[in-house]
PDB file of N, CA and C in Angstrom:
ATOM      1  N   MET A   1       0.841  -1.173   0.000  1.00  0.00           N
ATOM      2  CA  MET A   1       0.000   0.000   0.000  1.00  0.00           C
ATOM      3  C   MET A   1       0.887   1.237   0.000  1.00  0.00           C
ATOM      4  N   ALA A   2       0.425   2.250  -0.656  1.00  0.00           N
ATOM      5  CA  ALA A   2       1.169   3.506  -0.729  1.00  0.00           C
ATOM      6  C   ALA A   2       0.906   4.328   0.526  1.00  0.00           C
ATOM      7  N   ASP A   3       1.951   5.008   1.003  1.00  0.00           N
ATOM      8  CA  ASP A   3       1.796   5.888   2.155  1.00  0.00           C
ATOM      9  C   ASP A   3       1.065   7.147   1.730  1.00  0.00           C
ATOM     10  N   THR A   4       0.239   7.649   2.587  1.00  0.00           N
ATOM     11  CA  THR A   4      -0.440   8.897   2.291  1.00  0.00           C
ATOM     12  C   THR A   4       0.363  10.033   2.894  1.00  0.00           C
ATOM     13  N   HIS A   5       0.487  11.103   2.144  1.00  0.00           N
ATOM     14  CA  HIS A   5       1.249  12.260   2.592  1.00  0.00           C
ATOM     15  C   HIS A   5       0.341  13.467   2.630  1.00  0.00           C
ATOM     16  N   ILE A   6       0.483  14.266   3.646  1.00  0.00           N
ATOM     17  CA  ILE A   6      -0.276  15.502   3.763  1.00  0.00           C
ATOM     18  C   ILE A   6       0.708  16.648   3.627  1.00  0.00           C
ATOM     19  N   HIS A   7       0.466  17.521   2.664  1.00  0.00           N
ATOM     20  CA  HIS A   7       1.322  18.684   2.447  1.00  0.00           C
ATOM     21  C   HIS A   7       0.561  19.930   2.859  1.00  0.00           C
ATOM     22  N   ILE A   8       1.215  20.763   3.631  1.00  0.00           N
ATOM     23  CA  ILE A   8       0.620  22.024   4.052  1.00  0.00           C
ATOM     24  C   ILE A   8       1.428  23.134   3.400  1.00  0.00           C
ATOM     25  N   HIS A   9       0.778  24.016   2.683  1.00  0.00           N
ATOM     26  CA  HIS A   9       1.453  25.116   2.004  1.00  0.00           C
ATOM     27  C   HIS A   9       1.498  26.311   2.942  1.00  0.00           C
ATOM     28  N   LEU A  10       2.695  26.793   3.195  1.00  0.00           N
ATOM     29  CA  LEU A  10       2.888  27.942   4.068  1.00  0.00           C
ATOM     30  C   LEU A  10       3.685  29.011   3.343  1.00  0.00           C
ATOM     31  N   ASP A  11       3.414  30.225   3.612  1.00  0.00           N
ATOM     32  CA  ASP A  11       4.194  31.366   3.132  1.00  0.00           C
ATOM     33  C   ASP A  11       4.533  31.303   1.641  1.00  0.00           C
ATOM     34  N   GLY A  12       3.579  31.283   0.823  1.00  0.00           N
ATOM     35  CA  GLY A  12       3.799  31.400  -0.607  1.00  0.00           C
ATOM     36  C   GLY A  12       4.336  30.152  -1.283  1.00  0.00           C
ATOM     37  N   GLY A  13       3.954  28.968  -0.865  1.00  0.00           N
ATOM     38  CA  GLY A  13       4.294  27.775  -1.616  1.00  0.00           C
ATOM     39  C   GLY A  13       5.295  26.840  -0.960  1.00  0.00           C
ATOM     40  N   SER A  14       5.929  27.207   0.145  1.00  0.00           N
ATOM     41  CA  SER A  14       6.825  26.248   0.796  1.00  0.00           C
ATOM     42  C   SER A  14       5.976  25.143   1.418  1.00  0.00           C
ATOM     43  N   THR A  15       6.445  23.931   1.320  1.00  0.00           N
ATOM     44  CA  THR A  15       5.650  22.810   1.813  1.00  0.00           C
ATOM     45  C   THR A  15       6.329  22.141   2.992  1.00  0.00           C
ATOM     46  N   GLU A  16       5.498  21.577   3.823  1.00  0.00           N
ATOM     47  CA  GLU A  16       5.996  20.801   4.964  1.00  0.00           C
ATOM     48  C   GLU A  16       5.161  19.541   5.037  1.00  0.00           C
ATOM     49  N   SER A  17       5.791  18.419   5.089  1.00  0.00           N
ATOM     50  CA  SER A  17       5.069  17.160   5.131  1.00  0.00           C
ATOM     51  C   SER A  17       4.953  16.712   6.579  1.00  0.00           C
ATOM     52  N   GLY A  18       3.735  16.541   7.053  1.00  0.00           N
ATOM     53  CA  GLY A  18       3.521  16.139   8.442  1.00  0.00           C
ATOM     54  C   GLY A  18       4.029  14.739   8.727  1.00  0.00           C
ATOM     55  N   LEU A  19       3.839  13.809   7.811  1.00  0.00           N
ATOM     56  CA  LEU A  19       4.258  12.428   7.989  1.00  0.00           C
ATOM     57  C   LEU A  19       5.771  12.287   7.952  1.00  0.00           C
ATOM     58  N   LEU A  20       6.409  12.949   7.010  1.00  0.00           N
ATOM     59  CA  LEU A  20       7.858  12.842   6.874  1.00  0.00           C
ATOM     60  C   LEU A  20       8.595  13.525   8.014  1.00  0.00           C
ATOM     61  N   SER A  21       8.088  14.663   8.485  1.00  0.00           N
ATOM     62  CA  SER A  21       8.782  15.360   9.566  1.00  0.00           C
ATOM     63  C   SER A  21       8.720  14.539  10.855  1.00  0.00           C
ATOM     64  N   ALA A  22       7.626  13.831  11.084  1.00  0.00           N
ATOM     65  CA  ALA A  22       7.519  12.992  12.281  1.00  0.00           C
ATOM     66  C   ALA A  22       8.499  11.824  12.213  1.00  0.00           C
ATOM     67  N   ARG A  23       8.650  11.239  11.033  1.00  0.00           N
ATOM     68  CA  ARG A  23       9.584  10.123  10.877  1.00  0.00           C
ATOM     69  C   ARG A  23      11.030  10.581  11.006  1.00  0.00           C
ATOM     70  N   SER A  24      11.341  11.755  10.458  1.00  0.00           N
ATOM     71  CA  SER A  24      12.720  12.217  10.488  1.00  0.00           C
ATOM     72  C   SER A  24      13.163  12.530  11.914  1.00  0.00           C
ATOM     73  N   THR A  25      12.272  13.039  12.764  1.00  0.00           N
ATOM     74  CA  THR A  25      12.660  13.331  14.148  1.00  0.00           C
ATOM     75  C   THR A  25      12.853  12.042  14.936  1.00  0.00           C
ATOM     76  N   GLN A  26      12.073  11.021  14.623  1.00  0.00           N
ATOM     77  CA  GLN A  26      12.229   9.748  15.330  1.00  0.00           C
ATOM     78  C   GLN A  26      13.524   9.057  14.939  1.00  0.00           C
ATOM     79  N   SER A  27      13.918   9.162  13.686  1.00  0.00           N
ATOM     80  CA  SER A  27      15.122   8.474  13.247  1.00  0.00           C
ATOM     81  C   SER A  27      16.384   9.143  13.781  1.00  0.00           C
ATOM     82  N   LYS A  28      16.295  10.425  14.139  1.00  0.00           N
ATOM     83  CA  LYS A  28      17.457  11.135  14.645  1.00  0.00           C
ATOM     84  C   LYS A  28      17.795  10.742  16.086  1.00  0.00           C
ATOM     85  N   ARG A  29      16.812  10.249  16.820  1.00  0.00           N
ATOM     86  CA  ARG A  29      17.073   9.825  18.185  1.00  0.00           C
ATOM     87  C   ARG A  29      17.901   8.554  18.168  1.00  0.00           C
ATOM     88  N   ARG A  30      18.936   8.528  18.974  1.00  0.00           N
ATOM     89  CA  ARG A  30      19.816   7.362  18.995  1.00  0.00           C
ATOM     90  C   ARG A  30      19.780   6.726  20.368  1.00  0.00           C
ATOM     91  N   LYS A  31      19.785   5.436  20.378  1.00  0.00           N
ATOM     92  CA  LYS A  31      19.861   4.701  21.636  1.00  0.00           C
ATOM     93  C   LYS A  31      21.306   4.669  22.093  1.00  0.00           C
ATOM     94  N   ALA A  32      21.479   4.556  23.404  1.00  0.00           N
ATOM     95  CA  ALA A  32      22.839   4.479  23.929  1.00  0.00           C
ATOM     96  C   ALA A  32      23.464   3.170  23.485  1.00  0.00           C
ATOM     97  N   SER A  33      24.671   3.254  23.011  1.00  0.00           N
ATOM     98  CA  SER A  33      25.340   2.042  22.544  1.00  0.00           C
ATOM     99  C   SER A  33      25.809   1.235  23.751  1.00  0.00           C
ATOM    100  N   PRO A  34      25.885  -0.086  23.628  1.00  0.00           N
ATOM    101  CA  PRO A  34      26.287  -0.916  24.756  1.00  0.00           C
ATOM    102  C   PRO A  34      27.698  -0.614  25.247  1.00  0.00           C
ATOM    103  N   SER A  35      28.551  -0.061  24.387  1.00  0.00           N
ATOM    104  CA  SER A  35      29.923   0.208  24.788  1.00  0.00           C
ATOM    105  C   SER A  35      30.012   1.392  25.748  1.00  0.00           C
ATOM    106  N   THR A  36      29.006   2.268  25.755  1.00  0.00           N
ATOM    107  CA  THR A  36      29.053   3.425  26.642  1.00  0.00           C
ATOM    108  C   THR A  36      28.581   3.089  28.056  1.00  0.00           C
ATOM    109  N   LYS A  37      27.836   2.020  28.212  1.00  0.00           N
ATOM    110  CA  LYS A  37      27.365   1.640  29.539  1.00  0.00           C
ATOM    111  C   LYS A  37      28.505   1.049  30.351  1.00  0.00           C
ATOM    112  N   LYS A  38      28.466   1.320  31.635  1.00  0.00           N
ATOM    113  CA  LYS A  38      29.485   0.765  32.529  1.00  0.00           C
ATOM    114  C   LYS A  38      29.174  -0.704  32.782  1.00  0.00           C
ATOM    115  N   LYS A  39      30.150  -1.534  32.611  1.00  0.00           N
ATOM    116  CA  LYS A  39      29.979  -2.958  32.818  1.00  0.00           C
ATOM    117  C   LYS A  39      30.531  -3.315  34.199  1.00  0.00           C
ATOM    118  N   ALA A  40      29.825  -4.145  34.929  1.00  0.00           N
ATOM    119  CA  ALA A  40      30.274  -4.544  36.252  1.00  0.00           C
ATOM    120  C   ALA A  40      31.562  -5.357  36.124  1.00  0.00           C
ATOM    121  N   VAL A  41      32.527  -5.016  36.917  1.00  0.00           N
ATOM    122  CA  VAL A  41      33.815  -5.691  36.882  1.00  0.00           C
ATOM    123  C   VAL A  41      33.807  -6.796  37.929  1.00  0.00           C
ATOM    124  N   ARG A  42      34.136  -7.981  37.506  1.00  0.00           N
ATOM    125  CA  ARG A  42      34.148  -9.131  38.400  1.00  0.00           C
ATOM    126  C   ARG A  42      35.449  -9.136  39.183  1.00  0.00           C
ATOM    127  N   ARG A  43      35.327  -9.247  40.487  1.00  0.00           N
ATOM    128  CA  ARG A  43      36.515  -9.295  41.335  1.00  0.00           C
ATOM    129  C   ARG A  43      37.255 -10.593  41.068  1.00  0.00           C
ATOM    130  N   PRO A  44      38.581 -10.570  41.075  1.00  0.00           N
ATOM    131  CA  PRO A  44      39.314 -11.823  40.909  1.00  0.00           C
ATOM    132  C   PRO A  44      39.039 -12.734  42.102  1.00  0.00           C
ATOM    133  N   GLY A  45      38.763 -13.969  41.821  1.00  0.00           N
ATOM    134  CA  GLY A  45      38.486 -14.929  42.891  1.00  0.00           C
ATOM    135  C   GLY A  45      37.055 -14.919  43.369  1.00  0.00           C
ATOM    136  N   ALA A  46      36.187 -14.121  42.745  1.00  0.00           N
ATOM    137  CA  ALA A  46      34.782 -14.066  43.153  1.00  0.00           C
ATOM    138  C   ALA A  46      34.004 -15.135  42.398  1.00  0.00           C
ATOM    139  N   GLY A  47      33.143 -15.821  43.082  1.00  0.00           N
ATOM    140  CA  GLY A  47      32.293 -16.813  42.439  1.00  0.00           C
ATOM    141  C   GLY A  47      32.907 -18.199  42.419  1.00  0.00           C
ATOM    142  N   LEU A  48      32.239 -19.086  41.763  1.00  0.00           N
ATOM    143  CA  LEU A  48      32.632 -20.492  41.700  1.00  0.00           C
ATOM    144  C   LEU A  48      33.668 -20.708  40.599  1.00  0.00           C
ATOM    145  N   PRO A  49      34.792 -21.330  40.909  1.00  0.00           N
ATOM    146  CA  PRO A  49      35.788 -21.607  39.868  1.00  0.00           C
ATOM    147  C   PRO A  49      35.239 -22.508  38.764  1.00  0.00           C
ATOM    148  N   LYS A  50      35.793 -22.350  37.578  1.00  0.00           N
ATOM    149  CA  LYS A  50      35.316 -23.066  36.395  1.00  0.00           C
ATOM    150  C   LYS A  50      35.328 -24.584  36.595  1.00  0.00           C
ATOM    151  N   LYS A  51      36.347 -25.073  37.257  1.00  0.00           N
ATOM    152  CA  LYS A  51      36.486 -26.516  37.486  1.00  0.00           C
ATOM    153  C   LYS A  51      35.249 -27.072  38.200  1.00  0.00           C
ATOM    154  N   TYR A  52      34.756 -26.331  39.185  1.00  0.00           N
ATOM    155  CA  TYR A  52      33.604 -26.781  39.958  1.00  0.00           C
ATOM    156  C   TYR A  52      32.287 -26.425  39.284  1.00  0.00           C
ATOM    157  N   ALA A  53      32.269 -25.363  38.493  1.00  0.00           N
ATOM    158  CA  ALA A  53      31.053 -24.975  37.778  1.00  0.00           C
ATOM    159  C   ALA A  53      30.671 -26.028  36.741  1.00  0.00           C
ATOM    160  N   LYS A  54      31.677 -26.708  36.192  1.00  0.00           N
ATOM    161  CA  LYS A  54      31.408 -27.753  35.207  1.00  0.00           C
ATOM    162  C   LYS A  54      30.642 -28.919  35.819  1.00  0.00           C
ATOM    163  N   MET A  55      30.767 -29.107  37.128  1.00  0.00           N
ATOM    164  CA  MET A  55      30.047 -30.187  37.809  1.00  0.00           C
ATOM    165  C   MET A  55      28.548 -29.882  37.900  1.00  0.00           C
ATOM    166  N   GLY A  56      28.208 -28.626  37.754  1.00  0.00           N
ATOM    167  CA  GLY A  56      26.850 -28.173  38.029  1.00  0.00           C
ATOM    168  C   GLY A  56      26.953 -27.360  39.304  1.00  0.00           C
ATOM    169  N   PHE A  57      26.174 -26.322  39.438  1.00  0.00           N
ATOM    170  CA  PHE A  57      26.395 -25.404  40.532  1.00  0.00           C
ATOM    171  C   PHE A  57      26.081 -25.992  41.905  1.00  0.00           C
ATOM    172  N   LYS A  58      25.081 -26.790  42.022  1.00  0.00           N
ATOM    173  CA  LYS A  58      24.750 -27.353  43.341  1.00  0.00           C
ATOM    174  C   LYS A  58      25.864 -28.284  43.816  1.00  0.00           C
ATOM    175  N   LYS A  59      26.256 -29.233  42.972  1.00  0.00           N
ATOM    176  CA  LYS A  59      27.333 -30.163  43.329  1.00  0.00           C
ATOM    177  C   LYS A  59      28.673 -29.437  43.403  1.00  0.00           C
ATOM    178  N   GLY A  60      28.879 -28.479  42.505  1.00  0.00           N
ATOM    179  CA  GLY A  60      30.128 -27.739  42.455  1.00  0.00           C
ATOM    180  C   GLY A  60      30.375 -26.930  43.713  1.00  0.00           C
ATOM    181  N   TRP A  61      29.367 -26.200  44.184  1.00  0.00           N
ATOM    182  CA  TRP A  61      29.534 -25.430  45.423  1.00  0.00           C
ATOM    183  C   TRP A  61      29.780 -26.354  46.605  1.00  0.00           C
ATOM    184  N   LYS A  62      29.080 -27.470  46.632  1.00  0.00           N
ATOM    185  CA  LYS A  62      29.260 -28.415  47.734  1.00  0.00           C
ATOM    186  C   LYS A  62      30.701 -28.929  47.769  1.00  0.00           C
ATOM    187  N   ALA A  63      31.244 -29.287  46.610  1.00  0.00           N
ATOM    188  CA  ALA A  63      32.614 -29.784  46.529  1.00  0.00           C
ATOM    189  C   ALA A  63      33.625 -28.667  46.800  1.00  0.00           C
ATOM    190  N   TYR A  64      33.370 -27.460  46.276  1.00  0.00           N
ATOM    191  CA  TYR A  64      34.309 -26.347  46.431  1.00  0.00           C
ATOM    192  C   TYR A  64      34.418 -25.898  47.888  1.00  0.00           C
ATOM    193  N   LYS A  65      33.312 -25.953  48.623  1.00  0.00           N
ATOM    194  CA  LYS A  65      33.335 -25.530  50.024  1.00  0.00           C
ATOM    195  C   LYS A  65      34.171 -26.450  50.896  1.00  0.00           C
ATOM    196  N   LYS A  66      34.452 -27.645  50.413  1.00  0.00           N
ATOM    197  CA  LYS A  66      35.288 -28.596  51.161  1.00  0.00           C
ATOM    198  C   LYS A  66      36.781 -28.373  50.920  1.00  0.00           C
ATOM    199  N   THR A  67      37.165 -27.573  49.931  1.00  0.00           N
ATOM    200  CA  THR A  67      38.573 -27.383  49.578  1.00  0.00           C
ATOM    201  C   THR A  67      39.263 -26.420  50.549  1.00  0.00           C
ATOM    202  N   PRO A  68      40.568 -26.615  50.757  1.00  0.00           N
ATOM    203  CA  PRO A  68      41.323 -25.707  51.634  1.00  0.00           C
ATOM    204  C   PRO A  68      41.350 -24.267  51.114  1.00  0.00           C
ATOM    205  N   ALA A  69      41.315 -24.077  49.796  1.00  0.00           N
ATOM    206  CA  ALA A  69      41.337 -22.731  49.217  1.00  0.00           C
ATOM    207  C   ALA A  69      40.099 -21.943  49.639  1.00  0.00           C
ATOM    208  N   TYR A  70      38.951 -22.574  49.617  1.00  0.00           N
ATOM    209  CA  TYR A  70      37.716 -21.908  50.024  1.00  0.00           C
ATOM    210  C   TYR A  70      37.769 -21.567  51.512  1.00  0.00           C
ATOM    211  N   LYS A  71      38.256 -22.481  52.309  1.00  0.00           N
ATOM    212  CA  LYS A  71      38.331 -22.245  53.762  1.00  0.00           C
ATOM    213  C   LYS A  71      39.268 -21.082  54.075  1.00  0.00           C
ATOM    214  N   ARG A  72      40.388 -20.974  53.348  1.00  0.00           N
ATOM    215  CA  ARG A  72      41.312 -19.846  53.543  1.00  0.00           C
ATOM    216  C   ARG A  72      40.639 -18.517  53.151  1.00  0.00           C
ATOM    217  N   LYS A  73      39.943 -18.542  52.014  1.00  0.00           N
ATOM    218  CA  LYS A  73      39.285 -17.338  51.520  1.00  0.00           C
ATOM    219  C   LYS A  73      38.203 -16.888  52.503  1.00  0.00           C
ATOM    220  N   LYS A  74      37.454 -17.830  53.030  1.00  0.00           N
ATOM    221  CA  LYS A  74      36.375 -17.529  53.965  1.00  0.00           C
ATOM    222  C   LYS A  74      36.961 -16.946  55.257  1.00  0.00           C
ATOM    223  N   LYS A  75      38.068 -17.507  55.727  1.00  0.00           N
ATOM    224  CA  LYS A  75      38.714 -17.047  56.939  1.00  0.00           C
ATOM    225  C   LYS A  75      39.272 -15.630  56.750  1.00  0.00           C
ATOM    226  N   ALA A  76      39.809 -15.335  55.589  1.00  0.00           N
ATOM    227  CA  ALA A  76      40.392 -14.037  55.289  1.00  0.00           C
ATOM    228  C   ALA A  76      39.335 -12.929  55.232  1.00  0.00           C
ATOM    229  N   ARG A  77      38.113 -13.253  54.842  1.00  0.00           N
ATOM    230  CA  ARG A  77      37.037 -12.259  54.748  1.00  0.00           C
ATOM    231  C   ARG A  77      36.527 -11.819  56.113  1.00  0.00           C
ATOM    232  N   ARG A  78      36.718 -12.596  57.133  1.00  0.00           N
ATOM    233  CA  ARG A  78      36.194 -12.255  58.462  1.00  0.00           C
ATOM    234  C   ARG A  78      36.861 -11.108  59.055  1.00  0.00           C
TER     235      ARG A  78
END
């Protein structure tokens, strides 16, 4: 289907299209690019290590909490 255009004649023959002017203002607005947003930085050593994550998170956390590394980290946070 063809778009319908409405032309308004102002001041001796200059035209302004209501449909086109609305589209042109919308296209000029730009969304913020993902690169401009601040990304949360993961602390080193935060979260479940990859070795244990491969087991599945429930089993992985259970196994990881038994390791001496986790116990040292937990003790250091106190």
